[in-house]
N, C-alpha and C. Protein backbone atom coordinates (compact mmCIF):
# COMPACT_ATOMS: atom_id res chain seq x y z
N MET A 1 28.94 -13.40 2.96
CA MET A 1 28.42 -13.32 4.10
C MET A 1 27.35 -12.56 4.38
N LYS A 2 27.25 -11.32 3.95
CA LYS A 2 26.16 -10.38 4.14
C LYS A 2 24.66 -10.58 3.69
N ASN A 3 24.90 -11.20 2.25
CA ASN A 3 23.68 -12.03 1.80
C ASN A 3 23.51 -12.91 2.86
N LEU A 4 23.82 -14.05 3.20
CA LEU A 4 23.26 -15.02 4.08
C LEU A 4 22.80 -14.66 5.52
N ILE A 5 23.42 -13.22 5.93
CA ILE A 5 22.95 -12.75 7.35
C ILE A 5 21.50 -12.02 6.79
N VAL A 6 21.34 -11.35 5.55
CA VAL A 6 19.89 -10.77 5.52
C VAL A 6 18.82 -12.13 5.11
N PHE A 7 19.38 -13.24 4.41
CA PHE A 7 18.65 -14.39 4.29
C PHE A 7 17.91 -15.17 5.39
N ASN A 8 18.94 -15.21 6.29
CA ASN A 8 18.77 -15.90 7.50
C ASN A 8 17.64 -15.06 8.43
N LEU A 9 17.88 -13.75 8.07
CA LEU A 9 16.79 -12.88 9.16
C LEU A 9 15.54 -13.19 8.30
N ILE A 10 15.58 -13.25 7.11
CA ILE A 10 14.26 -13.53 6.50
C ILE A 10 13.76 -14.79 6.89
N LEU A 11 14.44 -16.02 6.96
CA LEU A 11 13.99 -17.16 7.27
C LEU A 11 13.75 -17.27 8.92
N ILE A 12 14.40 -16.76 9.62
CA ILE A 12 14.12 -16.61 11.27
C ILE A 12 12.73 -15.80 10.93
N LEU A 13 12.28 -14.74 10.72
CA LEU A 13 11.14 -14.35 10.79
C LEU A 13 10.02 -14.93 10.32
N GLY A 14 10.46 -15.89 9.25
CA GLY A 14 9.43 -16.60 8.38
C GLY A 14 9.27 -17.90 9.83
N LEU A 15 10.01 -18.59 10.33
CA LEU A 15 9.59 -19.65 11.12
C LEU A 15 9.13 -19.05 12.54
N PHE A 16 9.48 -17.95 12.87
CA PHE A 16 8.72 -17.17 14.12
C PHE A 16 7.36 -16.75 13.94
N ILE A 17 6.81 -16.41 12.57
CA ILE A 17 5.62 -16.35 12.45
C ILE A 17 4.90 -17.56 12.35
N SER A 18 5.51 -18.35 11.66
CA SER A 18 4.67 -19.67 11.36
C SER A 18 4.38 -20.53 12.48
N GLY A 19 4.96 -20.30 13.80
CA GLY A 19 4.93 -20.80 15.25
C GLY A 19 3.97 -19.88 15.93
N CYS A 20 3.58 -18.72 15.55
CA CYS A 20 2.47 -18.21 16.39
C CYS A 20 1.00 -18.21 15.49
N ASP A 21 0.00 -17.68 16.19
CA ASP A 21 -1.10 -17.41 15.69
C ASP A 21 -1.23 -16.58 14.42
N LYS A 22 -2.00 -16.84 13.40
CA LYS A 22 -1.98 -15.90 12.35
C LYS A 22 -2.85 -14.73 12.53
N LYS A 23 -2.58 -13.62 12.41
CA LYS A 23 -3.34 -12.44 12.54
C LYS A 23 -4.00 -11.95 11.20
N GLY A 24 -5.05 -11.56 11.21
CA GLY A 24 -5.65 -10.93 9.97
C GLY A 24 -5.57 -9.38 10.02
N PRO A 25 -5.86 -8.74 8.94
CA PRO A 25 -5.86 -7.31 8.75
C PRO A 25 -6.34 -6.56 9.99
N ILE A 26 -5.25 -5.25 10.41
CA ILE A 26 -5.53 -4.81 11.95
C ILE A 26 -6.58 -3.95 11.72
N GLU A 27 -7.61 -3.98 12.71
CA GLU A 27 -8.46 -2.88 12.58
C GLU A 27 -8.35 -1.65 13.69
N SER A 28 -7.69 -0.60 13.12
CA SER A 28 -7.07 0.36 14.13
C SER A 28 -7.99 1.15 14.81
N ASP A 29 -7.64 1.17 15.98
CA ASP A 29 -8.57 2.00 17.08
C ASP A 29 -8.69 3.49 16.76
N LYS A 30 -7.58 3.70 15.77
CA LYS A 30 -7.54 5.15 15.76
C LYS A 30 -8.22 5.64 14.22
N ALA A 31 -8.85 4.64 14.02
CA ALA A 31 -9.54 4.69 12.45
C ALA A 31 -10.72 6.07 12.79
N GLN A 32 -10.67 6.88 12.01
CA GLN A 32 -11.22 7.97 11.77
C GLN A 32 -12.51 8.19 10.87
N GLY A 33 -12.48 6.99 10.09
CA GLY A 33 -13.32 7.29 8.85
C GLY A 33 -13.04 6.15 7.81
N ASN A 34 -13.94 5.76 6.98
CA ASN A 34 -13.70 4.80 5.95
C ASN A 34 -13.85 5.41 4.67
N ILE A 35 -12.84 5.45 3.97
CA ILE A 35 -13.01 5.94 2.41
C ILE A 35 -14.17 5.55 1.65
N SER A 36 -14.63 4.30 1.96
CA SER A 36 -15.44 3.52 1.00
C SER A 36 -16.83 4.02 1.69
N ASP A 37 -17.25 4.60 2.89
CA ASP A 37 -18.42 4.64 3.27
C ASP A 37 -18.67 6.21 2.91
N GLN A 38 -17.45 7.26 2.61
CA GLN A 38 -17.71 8.60 2.38
C GLN A 38 -17.49 9.10 1.08
N ALA A 39 -17.00 8.38 0.08
CA ALA A 39 -16.43 8.78 -1.08
C ALA A 39 -17.57 9.43 -2.09
N LEU A 40 -18.59 8.95 -1.89
CA LEU A 40 -19.61 9.20 -2.82
C LEU A 40 -20.68 10.57 -2.29
N SER A 41 -20.52 10.84 -1.08
CA SER A 41 -21.18 11.70 -0.20
C SER A 41 -20.47 13.00 0.17
N ALA A 42 -19.35 12.98 -0.27
CA ALA A 42 -18.56 14.01 0.46
C ALA A 42 -17.43 14.67 -0.57
N VAL A 43 -18.00 14.82 -1.98
CA VAL A 43 -17.21 15.68 -3.18
C VAL A 43 -17.03 16.90 -2.85
N PRO A 44 -15.71 17.54 -2.62
CA PRO A 44 -15.58 18.79 -2.00
C PRO A 44 -16.47 19.79 -3.28
N GLY A 45 -16.37 21.23 -3.05
CA GLY A 45 -16.99 22.00 -3.68
C GLY A 45 -17.99 22.77 -3.33
N SER A 46 -18.88 23.65 -4.37
CA SER A 46 -19.84 24.03 -4.00
C SER A 46 -21.04 23.30 -4.01
N SER A 47 -22.13 23.44 -3.63
CA SER A 47 -23.49 22.77 -3.78
C SER A 47 -24.18 22.84 -5.05
N GLU A 48 -23.58 23.57 -5.97
CA GLU A 48 -24.29 23.36 -7.40
C GLU A 48 -24.25 21.63 -8.05
N LYS A 49 -25.19 21.71 -8.54
CA LYS A 49 -25.56 20.47 -9.27
C LYS A 49 -24.19 19.83 -10.03
N ILE A 50 -23.73 18.57 -10.16
CA ILE A 50 -22.38 18.41 -10.86
C ILE A 50 -22.97 17.62 -12.28
N GLU A 51 -22.50 18.02 -13.24
CA GLU A 51 -22.96 17.47 -14.66
C GLU A 51 -22.53 15.79 -14.71
N CYS A 52 -23.60 15.07 -15.28
CA CYS A 52 -23.39 13.89 -15.33
C CYS A 52 -22.17 13.22 -16.17
N SER A 53 -21.83 14.40 -17.05
CA SER A 53 -20.86 13.86 -18.26
C SER A 53 -19.19 14.24 -17.86
N LYS A 54 -19.09 14.77 -16.56
CA LYS A 54 -17.63 15.17 -15.94
C LYS A 54 -17.67 13.96 -14.86
N ILE A 55 -16.53 13.70 -14.84
CA ILE A 55 -15.78 12.59 -13.91
C ILE A 55 -15.08 13.79 -12.68
N THR A 56 -15.38 12.96 -11.53
CA THR A 56 -15.02 13.80 -10.51
C THR A 56 -13.93 12.85 -9.77
N LYS A 57 -12.51 13.85 -9.51
CA LYS A 57 -11.39 13.48 -9.02
C LYS A 57 -11.02 14.19 -7.32
N LEU A 58 -10.96 13.23 -6.46
CA LEU A 58 -10.62 13.63 -5.13
C LEU A 58 -9.12 13.52 -4.91
N ASN A 59 -8.21 14.61 -4.50
CA ASN A 59 -7.13 14.29 -4.25
C ASN A 59 -6.70 13.80 -2.77
N PHE A 60 -5.57 13.13 -2.45
CA PHE A 60 -5.57 12.47 -1.33
C PHE A 60 -3.92 12.51 -1.30
N THR A 61 -3.41 12.75 0.17
CA THR A 61 -1.95 12.64 0.47
C THR A 61 -2.10 11.96 1.86
N GLY A 62 -0.89 11.21 2.24
CA GLY A 62 -0.77 10.57 3.53
C GLY A 62 0.57 10.16 3.69
N THR A 63 0.70 9.04 4.32
CA THR A 63 1.89 8.52 4.69
C THR A 63 1.70 6.90 5.07
N GLU A 64 2.82 6.15 4.48
CA GLU A 64 2.58 4.53 4.68
C GLU A 64 3.86 4.11 5.22
N THR A 65 3.84 3.26 6.61
CA THR A 65 5.02 2.98 7.50
C THR A 65 4.57 1.18 7.67
N LEU A 66 5.99 1.09 7.75
CA LEU A 66 6.11 -0.63 8.06
C LEU A 66 7.11 -0.89 9.11
N ASP A 67 6.96 -1.24 9.93
CA ASP A 67 8.09 -2.14 10.94
C ASP A 67 7.91 -3.11 11.38
N ALA A 68 8.43 -4.23 10.52
CA ALA A 68 8.11 -5.91 10.78
C ALA A 68 9.23 -6.30 11.69
N VAL A 69 10.16 -5.28 11.95
CA VAL A 69 11.18 -5.84 12.99
C VAL A 69 10.97 -5.83 14.39
N SER A 70 10.37 -4.65 14.64
CA SER A 70 9.69 -4.60 15.90
C SER A 70 8.46 -5.45 16.12
N ASP A 71 7.58 -5.52 15.19
CA ASP A 71 6.34 -6.19 15.30
C ASP A 71 6.46 -7.26 14.13
N PRO A 72 7.03 -8.63 14.29
CA PRO A 72 7.13 -9.41 13.59
C PRO A 72 5.79 -10.07 12.95
N SER A 73 4.86 -9.83 13.60
CA SER A 73 3.24 -10.23 12.99
C SER A 73 3.01 -9.34 11.99
N ARG A 74 3.57 -8.28 11.42
CA ARG A 74 3.37 -7.35 10.17
C ARG A 74 3.94 -8.11 9.02
N LEU A 75 5.02 -9.28 9.24
CA LEU A 75 5.31 -9.98 8.09
C LEU A 75 4.36 -11.26 7.78
N LEU A 76 3.63 -10.91 6.98
CA LEU A 76 2.18 -12.16 6.87
C LEU A 76 2.68 -13.58 6.21
N ASP A 77 3.78 -13.26 5.13
CA ASP A 77 4.36 -14.61 4.46
C ASP A 77 5.84 -14.09 4.24
N PRO A 78 6.85 -14.89 4.18
CA PRO A 78 8.01 -14.69 3.90
C PRO A 78 8.09 -14.84 2.58
N GLY A 79 7.16 -15.59 1.69
CA GLY A 79 7.42 -15.95 0.25
C GLY A 79 8.66 -16.74 0.09
N THR A 80 8.97 -16.75 -0.70
CA THR A 80 10.63 -17.32 -1.34
C THR A 80 11.74 -16.50 -1.82
N VAL A 81 12.92 -16.48 -1.51
CA VAL A 81 14.11 -15.79 -1.88
C VAL A 81 15.04 -16.70 -2.35
N GLU A 82 15.35 -16.34 -3.59
CA GLU A 82 16.29 -17.38 -4.31
C GLU A 82 17.75 -16.42 -4.79
N VAL A 83 18.77 -16.61 -5.02
CA VAL A 83 19.98 -16.16 -5.51
C VAL A 83 20.04 -16.77 -6.88
N LYS A 84 20.13 -16.04 -7.90
CA LYS A 84 20.15 -16.63 -9.15
C LYS A 84 21.39 -15.86 -9.99
N GLY A 85 22.63 -16.32 -9.90
CA GLY A 85 23.58 -15.48 -10.58
C GLY A 85 23.94 -14.38 -9.86
N ASN A 86 23.83 -13.31 -10.28
CA ASN A 86 23.86 -11.77 -9.37
C ASN A 86 22.74 -11.32 -9.22
N LYS A 87 21.61 -11.81 -9.28
CA LYS A 87 20.20 -11.49 -8.91
C LYS A 87 19.76 -12.16 -7.74
N ILE A 88 18.86 -11.29 -6.88
CA ILE A 88 18.10 -11.77 -5.75
C ILE A 88 16.52 -11.90 -6.70
N HIS A 89 15.89 -12.98 -6.19
CA HIS A 89 14.76 -13.31 -6.85
C HIS A 89 13.55 -13.46 -5.32
N ILE A 90 12.60 -12.35 -5.50
CA ILE A 90 11.56 -12.69 -4.15
C ILE A 90 10.36 -12.68 -4.77
N SER A 91 9.56 -13.60 -4.47
CA SER A 91 8.21 -13.97 -4.78
C SER A 91 7.05 -13.98 -3.48
N GLY A 92 6.02 -13.31 -3.43
CA GLY A 92 5.02 -13.60 -2.58
C GLY A 92 5.39 -13.21 -1.20
N PHE A 93 6.50 -12.19 -0.90
CA PHE A 93 6.59 -11.63 0.15
C PHE A 93 5.74 -10.70 0.73
N THR A 94 5.07 -10.98 1.98
CA THR A 94 3.60 -10.29 2.11
C THR A 94 3.84 -9.60 3.46
N VAL A 95 3.18 -8.40 3.66
CA VAL A 95 3.27 -7.55 4.88
C VAL A 95 2.01 -6.81 4.96
N LEU A 96 1.95 -6.29 6.23
CA LEU A 96 0.80 -5.54 6.64
C LEU A 96 1.35 -4.27 7.05
N ASP A 97 1.13 -3.03 6.18
CA ASP A 97 1.50 -1.71 7.08
C ASP A 97 0.64 -0.89 7.44
N ASP A 98 0.97 0.38 7.89
CA ASP A 98 -0.04 1.24 8.40
C ASP A 98 -0.34 2.53 7.65
N LEU A 99 -1.44 2.90 7.17
CA LEU A 99 -1.84 3.85 6.40
C LEU A 99 -2.40 5.07 7.04
N THR A 100 -2.36 6.25 6.57
CA THR A 100 -2.72 7.50 7.01
C THR A 100 -3.19 8.29 6.21
N VAL A 101 -4.42 8.35 5.43
CA VAL A 101 -4.67 9.53 4.24
C VAL A 101 -5.47 10.45 4.56
N THR A 102 -5.31 11.62 4.07
CA THR A 102 -6.20 12.97 4.16
C THR A 102 -6.61 12.86 2.80
N VAL A 103 -8.39 12.60 2.38
CA VAL A 103 -8.85 12.94 1.46
C VAL A 103 -9.60 14.47 0.92
N GLU A 104 -9.54 14.73 0.38
CA GLU A 104 -9.79 16.00 -0.23
C GLU A 104 -11.55 16.24 0.34
N GLY A 105 -11.55 16.94 1.20
CA GLY A 105 -12.91 17.22 1.51
C GLY A 105 -13.38 16.06 2.32
N MET A 106 -13.01 15.03 3.06
CA MET A 106 -13.43 14.14 3.93
C MET A 106 -12.54 13.87 4.72
N GLY A 107 -11.72 14.62 5.23
CA GLY A 107 -10.78 14.33 6.60
C GLY A 107 -9.64 13.28 6.35
N THR A 108 -9.41 12.72 7.58
CA THR A 108 -8.31 12.05 7.66
C THR A 108 -8.71 10.45 8.13
N MET A 109 -8.08 9.29 7.46
CA MET A 109 -8.54 8.21 7.73
C MET A 109 -7.32 7.50 8.32
N VAL A 110 -7.30 6.22 9.08
CA VAL A 110 -6.56 5.52 9.32
C VAL A 110 -6.71 4.07 9.06
N GLY A 111 -5.83 3.41 8.40
CA GLY A 111 -6.11 1.92 7.92
C GLY A 111 -4.63 1.21 7.72
N ASN A 112 -4.71 0.21 7.00
CA ASN A 112 -3.44 -0.57 6.57
C ASN A 112 -3.58 -0.98 5.05
N THR A 113 -2.63 -1.51 4.52
CA THR A 113 -2.39 -1.94 3.44
C THR A 113 -1.55 -3.22 3.35
N LYS A 114 -2.24 -4.05 2.69
CA LYS A 114 -1.61 -5.73 2.44
C LYS A 114 -1.02 -5.45 1.28
N ILE A 115 0.29 -5.93 1.50
CA ILE A 115 1.28 -5.65 0.20
C ILE A 115 1.88 -6.89 -0.08
N VAL A 116 1.62 -7.32 -1.16
CA VAL A 116 1.97 -8.76 -1.72
C VAL A 116 3.57 -8.34 -2.75
N ILE A 117 4.90 -8.44 -2.22
CA ILE A 117 5.83 -8.00 -3.07
C ILE A 117 6.68 -9.10 -3.81
N ASN A 118 6.91 -8.81 -5.05
CA ASN A 118 7.74 -9.70 -5.93
C ASN A 118 8.96 -8.60 -6.46
N ALA A 119 10.03 -9.10 -6.54
CA ALA A 119 11.21 -8.36 -7.19
C ALA A 119 12.37 -9.08 -7.67
N ILE A 120 13.21 -8.19 -8.48
CA ILE A 120 14.31 -8.95 -8.97
C ILE A 120 15.47 -7.78 -8.63
N TRP A 121 16.37 -8.05 -7.83
CA TRP A 121 17.26 -7.02 -7.56
C TRP A 121 18.42 -7.45 -7.47
N ASP A 122 19.46 -6.38 -7.80
CA ASP A 122 20.64 -6.89 -7.73
C ASP A 122 21.38 -7.34 -6.43
N ALA A 123 22.16 -8.54 -6.51
CA ALA A 123 22.44 -9.30 -5.20
C ALA A 123 23.60 -8.29 -4.60
N GLN A 124 24.08 -7.31 -4.98
CA GLN A 124 24.82 -6.61 -4.51
C GLN A 124 24.42 -5.16 -3.68
N THR A 125 23.63 -4.60 -4.33
CA THR A 125 23.00 -3.32 -4.10
C THR A 125 21.56 -3.75 -3.33
N TYR A 126 20.93 -4.60 -3.65
CA TYR A 126 19.54 -4.95 -3.25
C TYR A 126 18.40 -3.67 -3.93
N SER A 127 18.85 -3.45 -5.23
CA SER A 127 18.12 -2.51 -5.75
C SER A 127 17.56 -2.94 -7.31
N GLY A 128 16.55 -2.46 -7.79
CA GLY A 128 16.04 -2.88 -9.03
C GLY A 128 14.67 -2.91 -8.98
N LEU A 129 13.83 -3.57 -9.97
CA LEU A 129 12.45 -3.69 -10.32
C LEU A 129 11.61 -4.54 -8.94
N THR A 130 10.58 -3.87 -8.61
CA THR A 130 9.69 -4.50 -7.45
C THR A 130 8.14 -4.50 -8.30
N TRP A 131 7.35 -5.39 -7.92
CA TRP A 131 6.16 -5.24 -8.38
C TRP A 131 5.30 -6.14 -7.34
N GLY A 132 3.75 -5.84 -7.79
CA GLY A 132 3.05 -7.01 -7.00
C GLY A 132 1.63 -6.41 -6.72
N SER A 133 0.70 -6.63 -5.75
CA SER A 133 -0.51 -6.22 -5.75
C SER A 133 -0.76 -5.88 -3.79
N PHE A 134 -1.79 -4.99 -3.91
CA PHE A 134 -2.15 -4.46 -2.57
C PHE A 134 -3.79 -4.51 -2.20
N VAL A 135 -3.95 -4.44 -1.01
CA VAL A 135 -5.36 -4.17 -0.77
C VAL A 135 -5.50 -3.23 0.56
N LYS A 136 -5.92 -2.29 0.30
CA LYS A 136 -6.13 -1.13 1.16
C LYS A 136 -7.07 -1.36 2.05
N ILE A 137 -6.94 -1.30 3.40
CA ILE A 137 -8.17 -1.55 4.33
C ILE A 137 -8.48 -0.49 5.12
N PHE A 138 -9.67 -0.03 5.35
CA PHE A 138 -10.19 0.87 6.48
C PHE A 138 -11.48 0.58 7.02
N GLY A 139 -11.34 0.36 8.59
CA GLY A 139 -12.48 0.40 9.49
C GLY A 139 -12.73 -1.13 9.29
N GLY A 140 -11.47 -1.80 9.03
CA GLY A 140 -11.76 -3.34 8.86
C GLY A 140 -12.28 -3.91 7.85
N LYS A 141 -12.55 -3.23 6.79
CA LYS A 141 -13.25 -3.34 5.35
C LYS A 141 -12.42 -3.02 4.31
N GLU A 142 -12.08 -3.89 3.31
CA GLU A 142 -11.51 -3.86 2.10
C GLU A 142 -12.14 -2.53 1.36
N ALA A 143 -11.34 -1.62 0.89
CA ALA A 143 -11.70 -0.44 0.50
C ALA A 143 -11.12 -0.48 -1.28
N TRP A 144 -10.05 -1.07 -1.20
CA TRP A 144 -9.18 -0.77 -2.90
C TRP A 144 -8.28 -1.94 -2.90
N LYS A 145 -8.33 -2.42 -4.38
CA LYS A 145 -7.43 -3.76 -4.57
C LYS A 145 -6.80 -3.20 -5.99
N GLY A 146 -5.62 -3.55 -5.87
CA GLY A 146 -4.92 -3.09 -7.22
C GLY A 146 -3.37 -3.56 -7.47
N THR A 147 -2.62 -3.31 -8.13
CA THR A 147 -1.22 -3.54 -8.38
C THR A 147 -0.13 -2.36 -8.40
N PHE A 148 0.75 -2.72 -8.40
CA PHE A 148 2.07 -1.58 -8.39
C PHE A 148 3.24 -1.90 -8.90
N ARG A 149 4.02 -1.15 -9.16
CA ARG A 149 5.45 -1.51 -10.01
C ARG A 149 6.20 -0.04 -9.34
N SER A 150 7.56 -0.51 -8.95
CA SER A 150 8.37 0.29 -8.68
C SER A 150 9.67 0.19 -8.76
N HIS A 151 10.73 1.08 -8.67
CA HIS A 151 12.45 0.64 -8.89
C HIS A 151 12.96 1.48 -7.29
N ARG A 152 13.78 0.23 -7.06
CA ARG A 152 14.25 0.36 -5.82
C ARG A 152 15.73 1.00 -6.24
N VAL A 153 16.20 1.98 -5.36
CA VAL A 153 17.56 2.18 -5.60
C VAL A 153 18.59 2.44 -4.32
N LYS A 154 19.59 2.18 -4.26
CA LYS A 154 20.25 2.25 -2.96
C LYS A 154 20.96 3.63 -2.86
N ILE A 155 20.63 4.13 -2.14
CA ILE A 155 21.13 5.58 -1.62
C ILE A 155 22.77 5.66 -1.18
N ASN A 156 22.89 4.80 0.12
CA ASN A 156 24.09 4.60 0.56
C ASN A 156 24.27 3.22 1.40
N ASP A 157 24.69 3.16 2.24
CA ASP A 157 24.96 1.83 3.07
C ASP A 157 23.74 1.56 3.92
N THR A 158 22.86 2.88 4.30
CA THR A 158 21.85 2.57 5.25
C THR A 158 20.39 3.03 4.79
N GLU A 159 20.39 3.57 3.31
CA GLU A 159 19.24 3.78 3.01
C GLU A 159 18.88 3.24 1.71
N TRP A 160 17.59 2.96 1.26
CA TRP A 160 17.43 2.37 0.08
C TRP A 160 15.89 3.50 -0.43
N LYS A 161 15.44 4.09 -1.34
CA LYS A 161 14.52 4.27 -2.07
C LYS A 161 13.74 3.59 -2.98
N GLU A 162 12.31 3.57 -2.79
CA GLU A 162 11.50 2.82 -3.52
C GLU A 162 10.62 4.05 -4.19
N TYR A 163 10.78 4.25 -5.57
CA TYR A 163 9.53 5.00 -6.23
C TYR A 163 8.61 3.94 -6.81
N LEU A 164 7.41 4.20 -6.45
CA LEU A 164 6.38 3.56 -6.65
C LEU A 164 5.19 4.22 -7.19
N ASP A 165 4.50 3.35 -8.13
CA ASP A 165 3.40 3.83 -9.02
C ASP A 165 2.17 2.92 -8.60
N PHE A 166 0.92 3.06 -8.59
CA PHE A 166 0.02 2.23 -8.17
C PHE A 166 -1.30 2.50 -8.72
N THR A 167 -2.26 1.62 -9.05
CA THR A 167 -3.44 2.00 -9.55
C THR A 167 -4.49 0.69 -9.04
N GLY A 168 -5.73 1.00 -8.89
CA GLY A 168 -6.55 -0.19 -8.11
C GLY A 168 -8.20 0.51 -8.51
N ASP A 169 -8.83 -0.65 -8.14
CA ASP A 169 -10.42 -0.53 -8.10
C ASP A 169 -10.73 -0.73 -6.60
N GLY A 170 -11.99 -0.10 -6.80
CA GLY A 170 -12.78 0.15 -5.58
C GLY A 170 -13.65 -1.23 -5.48
N VAL A 171 -13.92 -1.72 -3.92
CA VAL A 171 -14.39 -2.70 -3.80
C VAL A 171 -15.42 -2.62 -2.88
N GLY A 172 -16.56 -2.80 -2.45
CA GLY A 172 -17.52 -3.05 -1.55
C GLY A 172 -18.24 -1.74 -1.84
N ASP A 173 -18.29 -0.89 -1.00
CA ASP A 173 -18.85 0.54 -1.08
C ASP A 173 -18.19 1.32 -2.14
N ASN A 174 -16.90 1.19 -2.32
CA ASN A 174 -16.13 1.84 -3.50
C ASN A 174 -16.17 1.44 -5.01
N GLU A 175 -17.12 0.07 -5.01
CA GLU A 175 -17.18 -0.50 -6.39
C GLU A 175 -17.56 0.41 -7.44
N GLY A 176 -16.79 0.43 -8.79
CA GLY A 176 -17.19 1.37 -9.71
C GLY A 176 -16.18 2.39 -9.77
N MET A 177 -15.20 2.72 -8.67
CA MET A 177 -14.51 3.92 -8.54
C MET A 177 -13.10 3.40 -8.87
N LYS A 178 -12.28 4.31 -9.22
CA LYS A 178 -10.79 3.88 -9.56
C LYS A 178 -9.85 4.75 -8.39
N ILE A 179 -8.51 4.02 -8.10
CA ILE A 179 -7.38 5.10 -7.57
C ILE A 179 -6.20 4.99 -7.95
N VAL A 180 -5.60 5.88 -8.33
CA VAL A 180 -4.21 6.03 -8.67
C VAL A 180 -3.48 6.90 -7.96
N GLY A 181 -2.24 6.24 -7.85
CA GLY A 181 -1.18 7.24 -7.06
C GLY A 181 0.42 6.93 -6.92
N LYS A 182 0.87 7.69 -6.25
CA LYS A 182 2.53 6.99 -6.12
C LYS A 182 2.82 7.30 -4.46
N ASP A 183 3.89 6.49 -4.43
CA ASP A 183 4.53 6.35 -3.20
C ASP A 183 6.14 6.74 -3.29
N GLU A 184 6.80 7.12 -2.17
CA GLU A 184 8.13 7.36 -2.04
C GLU A 184 8.64 6.73 -1.04
N LEU A 185 8.76 5.61 -0.76
CA LEU A 185 9.42 5.03 0.31
C LEU A 185 10.87 4.77 0.74
N SER A 186 11.25 5.23 1.97
CA SER A 186 12.43 5.26 2.68
C SER A 186 12.72 4.02 3.26
N ALA A 187 13.74 3.17 2.92
CA ALA A 187 14.11 1.84 3.84
C ALA A 187 15.63 2.04 4.25
N ASP A 188 15.60 1.63 5.90
CA ASP A 188 17.16 1.65 6.22
C ASP A 188 17.71 0.08 6.28
N MET A 189 17.13 -0.67 5.68
CA MET A 189 17.81 -2.05 5.71
C MET A 189 17.38 -2.76 4.36
N PRO A 190 18.21 -3.62 3.87
CA PRO A 190 18.37 -4.00 2.34
C PRO A 190 16.93 -4.96 2.11
N VAL A 191 16.31 -5.62 3.21
CA VAL A 191 15.25 -6.57 2.90
C VAL A 191 13.88 -5.87 3.52
N PRO A 192 12.80 -5.64 2.67
CA PRO A 192 11.74 -5.09 2.84
C PRO A 192 10.86 -5.18 4.27
N LEU A 193 11.41 -4.99 5.37
CA LEU A 193 11.15 -5.33 6.59
C LEU A 193 10.49 -4.18 7.34
N ARG A 194 11.12 -2.82 6.80
CA ARG A 194 11.11 -1.65 7.76
C ARG A 194 11.20 -0.54 6.81
N PHE A 195 10.06 0.35 6.45
CA PHE A 195 10.08 1.74 5.54
C PHE A 195 9.09 2.55 5.80
N SER A 196 9.08 3.68 5.37
CA SER A 196 8.12 4.44 5.45
C SER A 196 8.38 5.67 4.51
N GLY A 197 7.23 6.46 4.32
CA GLY A 197 7.16 7.30 3.24
C GLY A 197 5.72 8.06 3.02
N PRO A 198 5.71 8.94 2.02
CA PRO A 198 4.40 9.91 1.67
C PRO A 198 3.99 9.06 0.50
N ILE A 199 2.76 9.38 0.49
CA ILE A 199 1.80 8.66 -0.53
C ILE A 199 0.60 9.80 -1.19
N LYS A 200 0.30 9.89 -2.39
CA LYS A 200 -0.38 10.93 -2.73
C LYS A 200 -1.01 10.19 -4.15
N GLY A 201 -2.34 10.79 -4.52
CA GLY A 201 -3.03 10.47 -5.53
C GLY A 201 -4.44 10.78 -5.80
N GLU A 202 -5.41 10.31 -6.52
CA GLU A 202 -6.21 10.30 -6.77
C GLU A 202 -7.32 9.28 -6.67
N ILE A 203 -8.77 9.76 -6.03
CA ILE A 203 -9.79 8.91 -6.24
C ILE A 203 -10.63 9.33 -7.56
N ILE A 204 -11.02 8.28 -8.22
CA ILE A 204 -11.93 8.68 -9.40
C ILE A 204 -13.10 7.96 -9.24
N ILE A 205 -14.17 9.29 -9.50
CA ILE A 205 -15.51 8.69 -9.38
C ILE A 205 -16.19 8.99 -11.00
N PRO A 206 -16.82 7.79 -11.54
CA PRO A 206 -17.26 8.14 -12.92
C PRO A 206 -18.50 8.95 -12.79
N PRO A 207 -19.09 9.24 -14.05
CA PRO A 207 -20.02 10.06 -13.95
C PRO A 207 -21.30 9.49 -13.65
N HIS A 208 -21.36 8.21 -14.11
CA HIS A 208 -23.00 7.51 -13.95
C HIS A 208 -22.86 6.98 -12.34
N MET A 209 -22.00 7.14 -11.44
CA MET A 209 -22.09 7.01 -10.22
C MET A 209 -22.56 8.47 -9.33
N LYS A 210 -22.19 9.28 -9.90
CA LYS A 210 -22.80 10.75 -9.55
C LYS A 210 -24.24 11.02 -10.01
N CYS A 211 -24.72 10.35 -11.29
CA CYS A 211 -26.02 10.53 -11.55
C CYS A 211 -27.04 9.59 -10.66
N ALA A 212 -26.28 8.55 -10.35
CA ALA A 212 -27.17 7.41 -9.35
C ALA A 212 -27.55 8.43 -8.24
N HIS A 213 -26.86 9.28 -7.72
CA HIS A 213 -26.78 10.15 -6.51
C HIS A 213 -27.70 11.30 -6.53
N ASN A 214 -28.47 11.47 -7.76
CA ASN A 214 -29.56 12.44 -8.01
C ASN A 214 -28.51 13.80 -8.34
N ASN A 215 -27.31 13.62 -8.65
CA ASN A 215 -26.44 14.66 -9.36
C ASN A 215 -26.11 15.60 -8.26
N SER A 216 -26.07 15.36 -7.14
CA SER A 216 -25.79 16.61 -5.92
C SER A 216 -25.20 15.89 -5.09
N PHE A 217 -23.97 16.48 -4.56
CA PHE A 217 -22.95 16.21 -3.57
C PHE A 217 -22.80 17.13 -2.58
């Protein structure tokens, strides 16, 4: 019965979304900057010239938050959900969360992450392997695209934890750069419609990109 309730919730939300106008990536009015606009010109540290042979890494921290229960438009695609034996198979479940990050030497930026979720979970605990792809968006522009892999754990009847590793490539103004990081997401329901948690990682700028900017940042 519990499984049916959960799947019905997904179905209802999917039907609701399909009957509404589709919304694109949210361009937050609170955006204070764009990673792709600043990453090449705001490397922290002294004004001394940086050797072209060295890779520059910028640390970042922040939070990711999703509430597609209060705002069903954040569920972009319910994908497919099937029960096979004692496993739940999820494919193409797509959401748009809120992202706030503070990048070393560059300040705080507000944007969104479009996440495509696939999973194979235990049908009783809703825990197990999760993987998929993401696009991080700042100022209405795609800044990073990549993939993630995580493991979901049931803590108790009202809490699940997702331990996630991700890696991606810069797009647009960030082309040529890499991003790597971790999320630790907490959810208060078995389906991935509401979660929040800290994010941290590094932006990696290769030597040739620094040389192209006259070796001074």
